Protein backbone atom coordinates (compact mmCIF):
# COMPACT_ATOMS: atom_id res chain seq x y z
CA MET A 1 -0.38 -1.39 -14.47
CA ALA A 2 2.32 -3.57 -15.21
CA PRO A 3 2.54 -5.01 -18.61
CA SER A 4 0.33 -7.84 -19.10
CA ASP A 5 -0.55 -8.53 -22.85
CA PRO A 6 -3.67 -9.66 -23.96
CA GLY A 7 -2.77 -8.82 -27.70
CA SER A 8 0.23 -11.44 -28.23
CA SER A 9 1.59 -14.65 -26.84
CA PRO A 10 3.02 -14.64 -23.52
CA SER A 11 6.77 -14.59 -23.66
CA GLY A 12 8.96 -17.64 -23.59
CA SER A 13 10.07 -20.18 -25.96
CA PRO A 14 7.82 -23.06 -26.39
CA ARG A 15 9.33 -26.32 -25.03
CA ALA A 16 8.39 -29.78 -23.43
CA PRO A 17 7.24 -29.79 -19.99
CA ARG A 18 9.61 -30.56 -17.36
CA SER A 19 9.15 -34.25 -15.70
CA ASP A 20 8.40 -32.18 -12.33
CA ALA A 21 6.14 -29.49 -13.91
CA ALA A 22 4.99 -27.03 -11.68
CA PRO A 23 1.38 -27.08 -10.36
CA VAL A 24 -0.86 -24.43 -11.77
CA PRO A 25 -4.07 -23.58 -9.64
CA ALA A 26 -7.22 -23.83 -11.34
CA ALA A 27 -8.33 -21.11 -9.16
CA LEU A 28 -7.32 -18.90 -6.20
CA ALA A 29 -9.63 -17.17 -3.87
CA LEU A 30 -8.67 -13.46 -2.95
CA SER A 31 -11.47 -12.42 -0.88
CA ASP A 32 -15.21 -13.37 -0.26
CA THR A 33 -16.04 -11.76 -3.53
CA SER A 34 -12.91 -11.88 -5.79
CA ALA A 35 -10.69 -14.69 -7.04
CA LEU A 36 -8.40 -15.63 -9.79
CA ARG A 37 -9.14 -18.36 -12.28
CA ALA A 38 -7.67 -19.62 -15.65
CA LEU A 39 -8.78 -17.96 -18.74
CA GLU A 40 -10.87 -20.04 -21.04
CA GLU A 41 -11.70 -19.33 -24.73
CA ALA A 42 -15.26 -18.70 -23.65
CA ASP A 43 -13.99 -15.60 -21.95
CA ALA A 44 -13.03 -14.12 -25.14
CA ASP A 45 -16.03 -11.91 -25.86
CA GLU A 46 -16.28 -10.64 -22.18
CA LEU A 47 -12.56 -9.85 -22.09
CA TYR A 48 -12.56 -8.24 -25.12
CA ALA A 49 -15.56 -6.04 -24.23
CA LEU A 50 -13.83 -5.06 -21.13
CA ILE A 51 -10.61 -4.04 -22.93
CA ASP A 52 -12.78 -2.04 -25.25
CA GLY A 53 -14.53 -0.28 -22.80
CA ASN A 54 -11.42 0.70 -20.89
CA ARG A 55 -9.25 1.17 -24.07
CA SER A 56 -8.18 4.99 -23.30
CA HIS A 57 -7.54 3.87 -19.62
CA LEU A 58 -5.32 0.99 -20.57
CA ALA A 59 -3.72 2.71 -23.59
CA LYS A 60 -2.08 5.33 -21.12
CA TRP A 61 0.25 2.56 -19.92
CA LEU A 62 0.03 -0.48 -22.03
CA PRO A 63 1.38 -0.61 -25.67
CA TRP A 64 -1.22 -3.33 -26.96
CA ALA A 65 -4.28 -1.66 -25.63
CA ALA A 66 -4.91 0.91 -28.49
CA GLU A 67 -5.15 -1.62 -31.33
CA GLN A 68 -6.57 -4.73 -29.40
CA THR A 69 -9.14 -7.04 -31.43
CA PRO A 70 -11.28 -9.77 -30.71
CA ALA A 71 -9.14 -12.03 -32.56
CA GLY A 72 -6.01 -10.71 -30.69
CA THR A 73 -7.96 -11.52 -27.44
CA LEU A 74 -8.54 -15.04 -28.48
CA ASP A 75 -5.23 -15.67 -29.62
CA PHE A 76 -3.88 -14.44 -26.18
CA ILE A 77 -6.09 -16.80 -24.35
CA ARG A 78 -5.09 -19.74 -26.64
CA ALA A 79 -1.43 -18.84 -26.28
CA GLY A 80 -1.96 -18.83 -22.32
CA HIS A 81 -3.04 -22.64 -22.63
CA ALA A 82 0.07 -23.24 -24.49
CA GLN A 83 2.14 -21.47 -21.86
CA ILE A 84 0.76 -23.90 -19.34
CA ALA A 85 1.44 -26.84 -21.28
CA ASN A 86 5.00 -25.68 -21.83
CA ASP A 87 5.50 -25.33 -17.85
CA ASN A 88 6.14 -21.60 -18.52
CA GLY A 89 3.72 -20.08 -16.11
CA PHE A 90 -0.06 -18.94 -16.70
CA HIS A 91 -2.28 -16.06 -17.09
CA ALA A 92 -5.62 -15.70 -14.99
CA ALA A 93 -8.72 -13.64 -15.18
CA VAL A 94 -9.22 -11.33 -12.08
CA LEU A 95 -12.99 -11.66 -11.09
CA ASP A 96 -14.89 -9.53 -8.75
CA ARG A 97 -18.37 -10.98 -8.00
CA GLY A 98 -18.07 -13.41 -10.97
CA ARG A 99 -17.05 -10.85 -13.57
CA ILE A 100 -13.87 -10.39 -15.20
CA VAL A 101 -12.37 -7.07 -14.27
CA GLY A 102 -8.57 -7.72 -15.24
CA VAL A 103 -6.03 -10.05 -15.97
CA ILE A 104 -2.79 -10.89 -14.36
CA GLY A 105 0.02 -13.47 -15.47
CA PHE A 106 3.53 -14.31 -15.59
CA HIS A 107 5.72 -13.61 -18.43
CA GLY A 108 7.15 -16.94 -18.86
CA ILE A 109 9.52 -18.58 -16.28
CA ASP A 110 13.27 -18.91 -16.33
CA TRP A 111 13.86 -22.17 -14.68
CA GLN A 112 17.60 -22.23 -14.77
CA HIS A 113 17.85 -19.25 -12.73
CA ARG A 114 14.42 -19.52 -10.90
CA SER A 115 12.91 -16.33 -11.91
CA SER A 116 9.90 -14.67 -13.52
CA SER A 117 8.19 -11.45 -13.80
CA VAL A 118 4.40 -10.58 -13.33
CA GLY A 119 2.21 -8.10 -15.40
CA TYR A 120 -1.38 -7.09 -14.59
CA TRP A 121 -4.16 -4.64 -15.48
CA LEU A 122 -7.23 -3.72 -14.02
CA ALA A 123 -10.61 -2.18 -15.47
CA GLU A 124 -10.76 1.70 -14.10
CA GLU A 125 -14.18 0.96 -12.30
CA ALA A 126 -12.88 -1.99 -10.22
CA GLN A 127 -9.79 0.08 -8.86
CA GLY A 128 -9.49 1.31 -5.41
CA ARG A 129 -10.85 -2.03 -3.60
CA GLY A 130 -7.48 -3.71 -2.92
CA THR A 131 -8.45 -6.39 -5.66
CA MET A 132 -5.08 -5.98 -7.74
CA THR A 133 -2.86 -5.89 -4.45
CA ARG A 134 -4.34 -9.41 -3.58
CA ALA A 135 -4.05 -10.75 -6.86
CA VAL A 136 -0.46 -9.63 -7.20
CA ARG A 137 0.29 -11.06 -3.61
CA ALA A 138 -1.24 -14.37 -4.58
CA MET A 139 0.87 -14.72 -7.74
CA VAL A 140 4.05 -13.85 -5.85
CA SER A 141 3.29 -16.45 -3.45
CA GLN A 142 2.46 -19.09 -6.14
CA ALA A 143 5.95 -18.37 -7.58
CA LEU A 144 8.15 -18.00 -4.50
CA GLY A 145 6.38 -20.24 -2.24
CA VAL A 146 4.75 -23.07 -4.22
CA TRP A 147 7.23 -22.95 -7.20
CA ALA A 148 10.20 -22.15 -5.14
CA LEU A 149 11.63 -19.53 -7.60
CA ASN A 150 13.94 -17.29 -6.25
CA ARG A 151 12.98 -13.72 -7.94
CA VAL A 152 9.72 -12.18 -9.14
CA GLU A 153 10.18 -8.79 -11.09
CA ILE A 154 7.53 -6.16 -11.83
CA ARG A 155 7.95 -3.20 -14.04
CA ALA A 156 5.72 -0.38 -14.22
CA SER A 157 5.90 3.09 -16.07
CA VAL A 158 7.59 5.55 -14.04
CA GLU A 159 4.67 7.89 -14.52
CA ASN A 160 2.10 5.35 -13.24
CA GLU A 161 1.76 6.40 -9.61
CA ARG A 162 -0.90 3.99 -8.78
CA SER A 163 0.83 0.84 -9.90
CA ARG A 164 4.24 1.78 -8.30
CA ALA A 165 2.32 2.57 -5.19
CA LEU A 166 0.77 -1.18 -5.28
CA ILE A 167 4.09 -2.82 -5.77
CA GLU A 168 5.76 -0.96 -3.06
CA ARG A 169 3.13 -1.63 -0.71
CA LEU A 170 3.82 -5.28 -1.25
CA GLY A 171 7.53 -4.53 -0.15
CA PHE A 172 9.07 -4.91 -3.52
CA HIS A 173 12.67 -3.61 -3.93
CA TYR A 174 13.04 -0.74 -6.25
CA GLU A 175 16.09 -1.28 -8.58
CA GLY A 176 16.09 1.58 -10.99
CA VAL A 177 14.80 2.89 -14.20
CA ALA A 178 15.08 0.93 -17.59
CA ARG A 179 15.23 3.86 -19.76
CA GLN A 180 12.68 4.04 -22.85
CA ALA A 181 11.76 0.51 -22.08
CA PHE A 182 8.47 0.64 -24.05
CA ARG A 183 6.66 2.64 -26.81
CA LEU A 184 3.29 4.30 -26.77
CA ALA A 185 1.76 6.43 -29.23
CA ASP A 186 3.46 9.57 -28.03
CA GLY A 187 6.78 8.05 -27.91
CA TYR A 188 9.18 5.94 -25.55
CA HIS A 189 8.78 5.80 -21.99
CA ASP A 190 10.74 4.60 -18.79
CA ASP A 191 9.97 1.56 -16.84
CA ALA A 192 10.54 1.41 -13.19
CA VAL A 193 12.16 -1.98 -12.22
CA TYR A 194 10.95 -3.63 -8.89
CA SER A 195 12.00 -7.31 -7.62
CA MET A 196 11.25 -9.54 -4.60
CA LEU A 197 13.45 -12.21 -3.82
CA ALA A 198 12.33 -15.43 -1.81
CA ALA A 199 14.42 -14.64 1.15
CA ASP A 200 12.49 -11.47 1.60
CA TRP A 201 8.89 -12.72 1.13
CA PRO A 202 6.87 -13.67 4.08
CA SER A 203 6.80 -17.30 4.57
CA SER A 204 3.13 -16.87 6.17
CA THR A 205 1.79 -15.61 2.88
CA ASP A 206 -0.61 -18.07 1.77
CA ALA A 207 -0.93 -18.73 -2.08
CA GLY A 208 -3.85 -20.93 -1.93
CA ALA A 209 -4.17 -24.63 -2.52
CA PRO A 210 -2.82 -25.47 -6.09
CA GLY A 211 -5.01 -27.45 -8.24
CA THR A 212 -4.38 -28.65 -11.71
CA LEU A 213 -5.12 -27.18 -15.02
CA SER A 214 -5.30 -28.72 -18.40
CA ALA A 215 -3.94 -26.74 -21.15
């Protein structure tokens, strides 16, 4: 898993939307049974129940998971609406047969340098089906294709072999280790840093037809 935090506001300073604000898709189909769609306040209970049921699984890699609360989950969804309104990316629910099984999103967008980073997590029982690989591919295509960004970064714990395998499977370039980049209950841990540039991303990858989404 790469850090995607449903316990606090997505990163990036609030600001007025640009006049040419980037389109945010209302939904992205991943397969016949899986999709991404914007998180809504009505999802708060289902999302928190998923986190609570996977707390020990998530807390191995994600600093927010151990102490996540229902209120924090709702705050995260509301912050995601502000993120869209500020033209600063978006977070989405990962759906499998209509059920939420995870979250994926952008940690803000640096429009000056045309770069962003992606974080994600998936419920333990939903792993092994290729769902998150398709989700990450769709989000990277949104960033590099639809929004014409130049760089997308993903970080994962150096110990998280499953997440690192996913990132490498998509062709990301390994840049090195950010030492003691995040802290868990047992101390500090290192992040493996990966990047993808627009010039290296397959132009044939389809991000799906972008729609509109109100904040």
